[in-house]
Amino acid sequence: MTCCLADYEGLDAETAANLALAVDEACTVLIGMSSPGAVLVLDEDPHARELTVRVSAACDSVHRDPGSTVLNGFSRRVLEALTEKAETFVDDTALGIALTVRRRWARA
């Protein structure tokens, strides 16, 4: 899925590989927190200079401050190393992680 998205968005190989690893890590975190039988949802939000991928899943209890709970320790370090920005969000009963990568040509 991530490879198809990266190809469609014209990301270079390094950015595409980093995005694939970041999405995998985000999914791993959310699977551990999701409700039984919950579905992982992946949305893309493309812009001229960057691409944001939002991964979310329904959780039994959505925390008021998800950032302090979901992205800590190793997972936070991995996501911050692979992306320009990694942050959590809450949509109704879903908890999610938004990952932003900059298009390589947009760095200049």
Protein backbone atom coordinates (compact mmCIF):
# COMPACT_ATOMS: atom_id res chain seq x y z
CA MET A 1 0.00 0.00 0.00
CA THR A 2 2.69 2.49 1.01
CA CYS A 3 4.81 1.64 -2.04
CA CYS A 4 1.86 2.31 -4.36
CA LEU A 5 1.17 5.61 -2.60
CA ALA A 6 4.84 6.66 -2.78
CA ASP A 7 4.98 5.79 -6.48
CA TYR A 8 1.73 7.66 -7.21
CA GLU A 9 3.00 10.73 -5.32
CA GLY A 10 6.39 10.61 -7.08
CA LEU A 11 8.48 10.23 -3.93
CA ASP A 12 12.16 9.35 -4.34
CA ALA A 13 13.34 5.90 -3.21
CA GLU A 14 14.80 7.02 0.15
CA THR A 15 11.71 9.02 1.15
CA ALA A 16 9.45 6.16 0.04
CA ALA A 17 11.43 3.63 2.11
CA ASN A 18 11.37 5.89 5.18
CA LEU A 19 7.63 6.42 4.79
CA ALA A 20 7.02 2.67 4.50
CA LEU A 21 8.97 2.01 7.71
CA ALA A 22 7.20 4.85 9.53
CA VAL A 23 3.74 3.62 8.49
CA ASP A 24 4.68 0.10 9.64
CA GLU A 25 5.78 1.43 13.05
CA ALA A 26 2.63 3.58 13.39
CA CYS A 27 0.42 0.59 12.56
CA THR A 28 2.26 -1.54 15.13
CA VAL A 29 1.65 1.08 17.83
CA LEU A 30 -2.04 1.44 16.94
CA ILE A 31 -2.67 -2.32 16.74
CA GLY A 32 -1.45 -2.61 20.31
CA MET A 33 -3.92 0.06 21.48
CA SER A 34 -6.92 -0.68 19.26
CA SER A 35 -10.22 -2.27 20.17
CA PRO A 36 -10.67 -5.96 19.29
CA GLY A 37 -11.72 -6.24 15.65
CA ALA A 38 -10.84 -2.61 14.87
CA VAL A 39 -9.83 -1.69 11.33
CA LEU A 40 -6.72 0.34 10.52
CA VAL A 41 -7.53 3.31 8.29
CA LEU A 42 -4.90 5.04 6.15
CA ASP A 43 -5.60 8.47 4.62
CA GLU A 44 -3.28 10.60 2.54
CA ASP A 45 -3.16 14.39 2.48
CA PRO A 46 -0.89 15.45 -0.41
CA HIS A 47 0.50 18.98 -0.75
CA ALA A 48 2.96 20.53 -3.19
CA ARG A 49 5.97 20.28 -0.84
CA GLU A 50 4.97 17.51 1.55
CA LEU A 51 2.79 14.45 2.00
CA THR A 52 0.96 13.58 5.21
CA VAL A 53 -0.25 10.05 5.87
CA ARG A 54 -2.75 9.58 8.69
CA VAL A 55 -3.14 6.11 10.19
CA SER A 56 -5.92 5.52 12.72
CA ALA A 57 -7.88 2.81 14.51
CA ALA A 58 -10.84 2.69 16.89
CA CYS A 59 -9.74 2.48 20.53
CA ASP A 60 -11.81 1.54 23.58
CA SER A 61 -10.65 4.60 25.49
CA VAL A 62 -9.35 7.62 23.64
CA HIS A 63 -6.94 9.60 25.80
CA ARG A 64 -7.30 13.37 26.19
CA ASP A 65 -3.56 13.80 25.58
CA PRO A 66 -2.68 10.98 23.18
CA GLY A 67 0.77 12.33 22.39
CA SER A 68 2.12 11.61 25.83
CA THR A 69 0.76 8.06 25.80
CA VAL A 70 1.10 6.78 22.24
CA LEU A 71 4.36 8.22 21.01
CA ASN A 72 6.92 7.73 23.68
CA GLY A 73 10.29 6.07 23.90
CA PHE A 74 11.40 3.93 21.00
CA SER A 75 8.36 4.49 18.75
CA ARG A 76 8.67 8.27 18.97
CA ARG A 77 12.38 8.13 18.13
CA VAL A 78 11.79 5.85 15.15
CA LEU A 79 8.98 7.99 13.73
CA GLU A 80 10.86 11.26 14.26
CA ALA A 81 13.96 9.82 12.55
CA LEU A 82 11.98 8.64 9.51
CA THR A 83 9.67 11.63 8.97
CA GLU A 84 9.68 15.42 9.09
CA LYS A 85 6.85 15.37 11.64
CA ALA A 86 5.01 12.70 13.63
CA GLU A 87 2.05 13.59 15.81
CA THR A 88 -1.03 11.97 17.29
CA PHE A 89 -4.66 12.95 16.80
CA VAL A 90 -8.11 11.95 18.04
CA ASP A 91 -11.16 11.61 15.74
CA ASP A 92 -14.27 10.64 17.71
CA THR A 93 -13.37 7.18 19.07
CA ALA A 94 -10.36 6.72 16.77
CA LEU A 95 -6.80 7.35 17.81
CA GLY A 96 -4.29 8.07 15.07
CA ILE A 97 -0.79 9.03 14.09
CA ALA A 98 -0.07 11.59 11.35
CA LEU A 99 3.25 11.24 9.51
CA THR A 100 4.58 14.02 7.29
CA VAL A 101 7.41 13.62 4.78
CA ARG A 102 8.87 16.38 2.64
CA ARG A 103 9.21 15.79 -1.05
CA ARG A 104 12.96 15.53 -1.81
CA TRP A 105 12.96 18.26 -4.47
CA ALA A 106 11.19 20.61 -2.03
CA ARG A 107 14.13 20.63 0.42
CA ALA A 108 16.01 23.33 -1.49
